[in-house]
C-alpha cells in the first residue's frame, strides 16, 4: 500500500503581508511556514507536523496586531 502525504495548507493575508503553511516539497512529512512582507526577504521556518506549524502561524499572526 502506498503512503501519501497529507495535503494541507493555510494562507493568511493582510496589507501586503502573507503567511503560508504548506507541505515541504523536499520532505512530504514536514511543513513550512513562509512569512512574506513587501520589500523584505521571505522568512521560512520548518516544522515536523501540521499542529506545530499552525500553532506557529497563529502566534505569528497575533503578533502583527501589536
N, C-alpha and C. Protein backbone atom coordinates (compact mmCIF):
# COMPACT_ATOMS: atom_id res chain seq x y z
N UNK A 1 0.84 -1.17 0.00
CA UNK A 1 0.00 0.00 0.00
C UNK A 1 0.89 1.24 0.00
N UNK A 2 0.60 2.16 -0.89
CA UNK A 2 1.38 3.40 -0.99
C UNK A 2 0.98 4.37 0.11
N UNK A 3 1.94 5.08 0.60
CA UNK A 3 1.71 6.08 1.64
C UNK A 3 1.73 7.46 1.00
N UNK A 4 0.63 8.20 1.11
CA UNK A 4 0.55 9.54 0.53
C UNK A 4 0.67 10.59 1.62
N UNK A 5 1.35 11.70 1.33
CA UNK A 5 1.43 12.77 2.32
C UNK A 5 0.07 13.47 2.44
N UNK A 6 -0.19 13.98 3.61
CA UNK A 6 -1.41 14.72 3.87
C UNK A 6 -1.30 16.08 3.20
N UNK A 7 -2.20 16.42 2.32
CA UNK A 7 -2.19 17.72 1.64
C UNK A 7 -2.87 18.75 2.52
N UNK A 8 -2.13 19.76 2.93
CA UNK A 8 -2.65 20.74 3.86
C UNK A 8 -1.97 22.07 3.60
N UNK A 9 -2.74 23.15 3.63
CA UNK A 9 -2.14 24.48 3.51
C UNK A 9 -3.05 25.53 4.15
N UNK A 10 -2.42 26.62 4.56
CA UNK A 10 -3.11 27.77 5.14
C UNK A 10 -2.50 29.01 4.52
N UNK A 11 -3.34 30.01 4.21
CA UNK A 11 -2.82 31.29 3.73
C UNK A 11 -3.57 32.41 4.42
N UNK A 12 -2.84 33.30 5.06
CA UNK A 12 -3.41 34.46 5.74
C UNK A 12 -2.79 35.71 5.10
N UNK A 13 -3.63 36.69 4.73
CA UNK A 13 -3.13 37.90 4.07
C UNK A 13 -3.70 39.14 4.75
N UNK A 14 -2.85 40.17 4.88
CA UNK A 14 -3.28 41.45 5.44
C UNK A 14 -2.28 42.52 5.05
N UNK A 15 -2.75 43.55 4.33
CA UNK A 15 -1.95 44.72 3.97
C UNK A 15 -0.61 44.34 3.33
N UNK A 16 -0.63 43.40 2.41
CA UNK A 16 0.58 43.01 1.71
C UNK A 16 1.37 41.91 2.38
N UNK A 17 1.12 41.64 3.63
CA UNK A 17 1.82 40.57 4.34
C UNK A 17 1.07 39.26 4.12
N UNK A 18 1.81 38.20 3.88
CA UNK A 18 1.21 36.88 3.66
C UNK A 18 1.93 35.84 4.50
N UNK A 19 1.15 35.04 5.20
CA UNK A 19 1.67 33.89 5.93
C UNK A 19 1.12 32.64 5.26
N UNK A 20 2.00 31.68 4.97
CA UNK A 20 1.57 30.43 4.35
C UNK A 20 2.10 29.26 5.16
N UNK A 21 1.27 28.27 5.34
CA UNK A 21 1.68 26.98 5.88
C UNK A 21 1.40 25.98 4.78
N UNK A 22 2.44 25.23 4.37
CA UNK A 22 2.26 24.27 3.30
C UNK A 22 3.23 23.12 3.47
N UNK A 23 3.00 22.04 2.70
CA UNK A 23 3.89 20.90 2.73
C UNK A 23 5.27 21.28 2.20
N UNK A 24 6.29 20.71 2.80
CA UNK A 24 7.65 20.91 2.34
C UNK A 24 7.86 20.04 1.10
N UNK A 25 8.24 20.62 -0.04
CA UNK A 25 8.41 19.80 -1.24
C UNK A 25 9.56 18.80 -1.13
N UNK A 26 10.53 19.07 -0.28
CA UNK A 26 11.67 18.17 -0.12
C UNK A 26 11.37 17.02 0.83
N UNK A 27 10.49 17.27 1.81
CA UNK A 27 10.14 16.26 2.80
C UNK A 27 8.62 16.25 2.94
N UNK A 28 7.93 15.28 2.37
CA UNK A 28 6.46 15.29 2.39
C UNK A 28 5.84 15.16 3.78
N UNK A 29 6.62 14.80 4.78
CA UNK A 29 6.08 14.68 6.14
C UNK A 29 6.34 15.94 6.98
N UNK A 30 6.93 16.96 6.37
CA UNK A 30 7.24 18.20 7.09
C UNK A 30 6.41 19.35 6.50
N UNK A 31 6.36 20.46 7.24
CA UNK A 31 5.59 21.63 6.83
C UNK A 31 6.45 22.87 6.93
N UNK A 32 6.19 23.84 6.06
CA UNK A 32 6.91 25.11 6.03
C UNK A 32 5.96 26.24 6.41
N UNK A 33 6.47 27.19 7.18
CA UNK A 33 5.76 28.44 7.45
C UNK A 33 6.53 29.53 6.74
N UNK A 34 5.90 30.18 5.77
CA UNK A 34 6.53 31.24 4.99
C UNK A 34 5.89 32.57 5.38
N UNK A 35 6.71 33.53 5.75
CA UNK A 35 6.26 34.87 6.14
C UNK A 35 6.79 35.85 5.11
N UNK A 36 5.90 36.38 4.26
CA UNK A 36 6.29 37.33 3.20
C UNK A 36 5.80 38.72 3.56
N UNK A 37 6.70 39.69 3.42
CA UNK A 37 6.35 41.10 3.62
C UNK A 37 6.92 41.88 2.46
N UNK A 38 6.21 42.92 2.02
CA UNK A 38 6.71 43.70 0.89
C UNK A 38 8.06 44.34 1.23
N UNK A 39 9.01 44.22 0.30
CA UNK A 39 10.31 44.84 0.48
C UNK A 39 11.27 44.08 1.37
N UNK A 40 10.89 42.90 1.86
CA UNK A 40 11.75 42.09 2.72
C UNK A 40 11.89 40.69 2.16
N UNK A 41 12.94 40.01 2.60
CA UNK A 41 13.14 38.62 2.19
C UNK A 41 12.10 37.75 2.90
N UNK A 42 11.68 36.69 2.24
CA UNK A 42 10.71 35.75 2.81
C UNK A 42 11.38 34.94 3.91
N UNK A 43 10.73 34.90 5.07
CA UNK A 43 11.23 34.10 6.18
C UNK A 43 10.56 32.73 6.13
N UNK A 44 11.35 31.68 6.26
CA UNK A 44 10.83 30.31 6.19
C UNK A 44 11.24 29.55 7.44
N UNK A 45 10.25 28.91 8.08
CA UNK A 45 10.53 28.07 9.25
C UNK A 45 9.99 26.67 8.98
N UNK A 46 10.75 25.67 9.38
CA UNK A 46 10.36 24.26 9.18
C UNK A 46 9.71 23.70 10.44
N UNK A 47 8.72 22.83 10.24
CA UNK A 47 8.04 22.15 11.34
C UNK A 47 7.85 20.69 10.97
N UNK A 48 7.91 19.81 11.97
CA UNK A 48 7.78 18.38 11.72
C UNK A 48 6.34 17.93 11.53
N UNK A 49 5.39 18.68 12.09
CA UNK A 49 3.99 18.27 11.97
C UNK A 49 3.09 19.49 11.77
N UNK A 50 1.88 19.22 11.27
CA UNK A 50 0.93 20.29 10.96
C UNK A 50 0.50 21.07 12.19
N UNK A 51 0.19 20.43 13.35
CA UNK A 51 -0.23 21.22 14.51
C UNK A 51 0.82 22.25 14.97
N UNK A 52 2.09 21.88 14.91
CA UNK A 52 3.15 22.81 15.29
C UNK A 52 3.23 23.98 14.30
N UNK A 53 3.08 23.69 13.02
CA UNK A 53 3.13 24.74 12.00
C UNK A 53 1.95 25.70 12.14
N UNK A 54 0.76 25.17 12.38
CA UNK A 54 -0.42 26.02 12.53
C UNK A 54 -0.33 26.85 13.81
N UNK A 55 0.17 26.26 14.88
CA UNK A 55 0.35 27.00 16.13
C UNK A 55 1.33 28.15 15.95
N UNK A 56 2.43 27.91 15.24
CA UNK A 56 3.41 28.96 14.96
C UNK A 56 2.79 30.05 14.09
N UNK A 57 2.00 29.66 13.08
CA UNK A 57 1.34 30.64 12.21
C UNK A 57 0.36 31.49 13.00
N UNK A 58 -0.42 30.87 13.88
CA UNK A 58 -1.38 31.63 14.69
C UNK A 58 -0.66 32.60 15.62
N UNK A 59 0.42 32.15 16.22
CA UNK A 59 1.19 33.02 17.11
C UNK A 59 1.79 34.20 16.34
N UNK A 60 2.35 33.93 15.17
CA UNK A 60 2.92 34.99 14.33
C UNK A 60 1.85 35.96 13.87
N UNK A 61 0.67 35.45 13.52
CA UNK A 61 -0.42 36.29 13.03
C UNK A 61 -0.94 37.20 14.15
N UNK A 62 -1.03 36.67 15.37
CA UNK A 62 -1.48 37.51 16.50
C UNK A 62 -0.46 38.59 16.82
N UNK A 63 0.83 38.32 16.67
CA UNK A 63 1.87 39.30 16.98
C UNK A 63 1.81 40.51 16.06
N UNK A 64 1.23 40.37 14.86
CA UNK A 64 1.17 41.50 13.94
C UNK A 64 0.26 42.61 14.46
N UNK A 65 -0.60 42.29 15.43
CA UNK A 65 -1.54 43.28 15.96
C UNK A 65 -0.86 44.25 16.92
N UNK A 66 0.29 43.87 17.44
CA UNK A 66 0.98 44.74 18.41
C UNK A 66 2.01 45.61 17.78
